[in-house]
Amino acid sequence: MFDSFKQYIYIQISPDRLSVKNIKSGECISEVPELAISAPPDQKILGVGAAARSSIAGKAGAVVLNPFAHPRSLVSDFTVAQQLIKAFVQRVKSSSAMAMNPIIIFHPLGNPDGGFTQVEGRAFRELAFGAGAYKVILWYGDELTDQEILSGQYPSHGRVID
């Protein structure tokens, strides 16, 4: 009965791109993972994604940050990453009063030497919960299809951490 109210949001993350897709509606955002912040002491969010760079024009001290651009770890700034993911999820999730908080499938892209660490896995999970997820599934592997996500049948050549 409640399946029709469930939302599935698929997040793919890399230093170059953040893609967030509402699986049921098909709405998708795929943009550069940047967040523009005004100068201290206010430090307000001025823009996200493709709009980040243009939003700082003429604003002294404002900066554009990519929280996923670090040579040793996919998450270099947790707070900025959380605000960025939250903003992207808000843009694609259903605004219906009946809609439940989403199930977020979080898919970090890339294959670092030795794989992603347990610490990174925990950071990914916390980022998704911070964006409003009621359940988080971490996926390490190839890109998932909408059908794989909706059915919960993930390919055997990847790894699911529920």
Protein backbone atom coordinates (compact mmCIF):
# COMPACT_ATOMS: atom_id res chain seq x y z
CA MET A 1 0.00 0.00 0.00
CA PHE A 2 2.75 2.44 0.91
CA ASP A 3 4.94 1.50 -2.09
CA SER A 4 3.29 4.19 -4.21
CA PHE A 5 4.46 6.82 -1.71
CA LYS A 6 8.07 5.63 -1.59
CA GLN A 7 10.67 7.77 -3.27
CA TYR A 8 13.91 6.33 -4.62
CA ILE A 9 16.73 8.77 -5.22
CA TYR A 10 19.91 7.60 -6.93
CA ILE A 11 23.01 9.70 -6.22
CA GLN A 12 26.20 9.26 -8.24
CA ILE A 13 29.17 11.21 -7.02
CA SER A 14 32.62 11.98 -8.41
CA PRO A 15 35.02 14.94 -8.25
CA ASP A 16 33.74 16.10 -11.66
CA ARG A 17 30.00 15.41 -11.49
CA LEU A 18 27.12 15.04 -9.04
CA SER A 19 24.07 13.29 -10.48
CA VAL A 20 20.85 13.01 -8.52
CA LYS A 21 17.84 11.21 -10.00
CA ASN A 22 14.32 10.63 -8.72
CA ILE A 23 13.76 7.11 -10.06
CA LYS A 24 9.96 7.25 -10.10
CA SER A 25 9.53 10.68 -11.71
CA GLY A 26 12.62 10.42 -13.92
CA GLU A 27 13.71 13.92 -12.93
CA CYS A 28 17.50 14.14 -12.97
CA ILE A 29 20.14 16.75 -12.25
CA SER A 30 23.72 16.17 -13.35
CA GLU A 31 26.03 19.09 -12.75
CA VAL A 32 29.46 20.05 -11.52
CA PRO A 33 29.62 19.49 -7.72
CA GLU A 34 30.26 23.06 -6.66
CA LEU A 35 28.79 25.27 -3.96
CA ALA A 36 29.24 29.05 -3.75
CA ILE A 37 29.49 30.59 -0.28
CA SER A 38 29.54 34.25 0.71
CA ALA A 39 32.39 35.72 2.72
CA PRO A 40 32.54 35.34 6.50
CA PRO A 41 30.93 36.02 8.88
CA ASP A 42 27.64 35.33 7.04
CA GLN A 43 28.79 32.41 4.89
CA LYS A 44 25.45 31.92 3.13
CA ILE A 45 24.95 29.60 0.19
CA LEU A 46 24.84 31.71 -2.97
CA GLY A 47 24.48 28.97 -5.58
CA VAL A 48 24.96 25.28 -6.27
CA GLY A 49 25.97 23.20 -9.25
CA ALA A 50 26.22 24.98 -12.58
CA ALA A 51 24.95 28.23 -11.01
CA ALA A 52 27.67 28.38 -8.35
CA ARG A 53 30.32 30.22 -10.37
CA SER A 54 27.98 32.85 -11.79
CA SER A 55 26.43 33.50 -8.36
CA ILE A 56 29.67 34.95 -6.92
CA ALA A 57 30.10 37.64 -9.58
CA GLY A 58 30.66 40.97 -7.85
CA LYS A 59 30.61 39.49 -4.36
CA ALA A 60 33.90 40.21 -2.59
CA GLY A 61 35.31 37.30 -0.64
CA ALA A 62 32.79 34.78 -1.97
CA VAL A 63 34.25 31.39 -2.91
CA VAL A 64 33.27 28.34 -4.94
CA LEU A 65 34.08 25.00 -3.33
CA ASN A 66 34.08 21.44 -4.64
CA PRO A 67 33.83 19.15 -1.59
CA PHE A 68 34.75 16.08 -3.65
CA ALA A 69 38.05 17.27 -5.12
CA HIS A 70 40.83 15.77 -3.04
CA PRO A 71 43.60 13.41 -4.20
CA ARG A 72 43.27 10.94 -1.29
CA SER A 73 39.56 10.92 -0.41
CA LEU A 74 36.32 11.48 -2.27
CA VAL A 75 34.96 13.67 0.54
CA SER A 76 37.26 16.55 1.40
CA ASP A 77 34.77 18.87 3.14
CA PHE A 78 31.88 17.07 4.85
CA THR A 79 29.84 20.17 5.73
CA VAL A 80 29.96 21.61 2.22
CA ALA A 81 29.24 18.16 0.73
CA GLN A 82 26.19 17.77 2.94
CA GLN A 83 24.78 21.16 1.95
CA LEU A 84 25.41 20.46 -1.74
CA ILE A 85 23.77 17.02 -1.71
CA LYS A 86 20.84 18.32 0.32
CA ALA A 87 20.25 21.11 -2.23
CA PHE A 88 20.35 18.66 -5.16
CA VAL A 89 18.00 16.18 -3.46
CA GLN A 90 15.51 18.98 -2.68
CA ARG A 91 15.40 19.83 -6.38
CA VAL A 92 14.33 16.31 -7.47
CA LYS A 93 12.30 14.89 -4.60
CA SER A 94 8.52 14.92 -4.64
CA SER A 95 6.88 17.85 -2.91
CA SER A 96 3.68 15.89 -2.28
CA ALA A 97 2.48 15.96 1.31
CA MET A 98 1.97 12.19 1.07
CA ALA A 99 5.52 11.45 -0.11
CA MET A 100 7.76 9.66 2.36
CA ASN A 101 11.37 10.59 2.99
CA PRO A 102 13.40 8.98 0.22
CA ILE A 103 15.37 5.79 0.05
CA ILE A 104 18.73 7.03 -1.21
CA ILE A 105 21.01 4.78 -3.22
CA PHE A 106 24.44 6.39 -2.86
CA HIS A 107 26.93 5.42 -5.56
CA PRO A 108 30.46 6.84 -5.26
CA LEU A 109 32.17 6.61 -8.64
CA GLY A 110 35.75 5.66 -9.19
CA ASN A 111 37.93 2.87 -7.94
CA PRO A 112 40.56 4.12 -5.50
CA ASP A 113 43.52 1.88 -4.68
CA GLY A 114 42.25 -0.58 -2.10
CA GLY A 115 38.63 0.53 -2.54
CA PHE A 116 36.74 3.02 -0.44
CA THR A 117 37.50 2.90 3.27
CA GLN A 118 35.03 2.21 6.05
CA VAL A 119 35.40 5.85 7.08
CA GLU A 120 34.43 7.02 3.58
CA GLY A 121 31.48 4.61 3.61
CA ARG A 122 30.27 6.10 6.86
CA ALA A 123 30.66 9.61 5.44
CA PHE A 124 28.62 8.64 2.35
CA ARG A 125 25.88 7.19 4.57
CA GLU A 126 25.80 10.29 6.80
CA LEU A 127 25.65 12.58 3.76
CA ALA A 128 22.56 10.74 2.52
CA PHE A 129 20.86 10.80 5.92
CA GLY A 130 21.66 14.52 6.15
CA ALA A 131 19.84 15.02 2.84
CA GLY A 132 16.68 13.54 4.36
CA ALA A 133 16.91 9.82 3.62
CA TYR A 134 15.04 7.42 5.84
CA LYS A 135 17.08 4.54 4.42
CA VAL A 136 20.49 4.53 2.72
CA ILE A 137 21.93 1.88 0.43
CA LEU A 138 25.59 2.21 -0.56
CA TRP A 139 26.45 0.76 -3.98
CA TYR A 140 29.96 0.12 -5.23
CA GLY A 141 30.00 -1.04 -8.85
CA ASP A 142 28.69 -0.21 -12.31
CA GLU A 143 25.86 2.25 -12.91
CA LEU A 144 22.47 0.89 -11.87
CA THR A 145 19.33 0.89 -14.01
CA ASP A 146 16.02 2.22 -12.74
CA GLN A 147 14.64 -1.33 -12.76
CA GLU A 148 17.52 -2.66 -10.64
CA ILE A 149 16.91 0.06 -8.09
CA LEU A 150 13.13 -0.39 -7.94
CA SER A 151 13.36 -4.19 -7.72
CA GLY A 152 16.24 -4.19 -5.24
CA GLN A 153 18.00 -6.75 -7.46
CA TYR A 154 21.53 -5.42 -7.76
CA PRO A 155 24.12 -6.95 -10.14
CA SER A 156 26.44 -9.57 -8.68
CA HIS A 157 29.51 -7.76 -10.06
CA GLY A 158 29.12 -4.93 -7.53
CA ARG A 159 28.73 -4.58 -3.80
CA VAL A 160 25.73 -3.42 -1.75
CA ILE A 161 26.07 -2.18 1.79
CA ASP A 162 22.60 -1.87 3.29
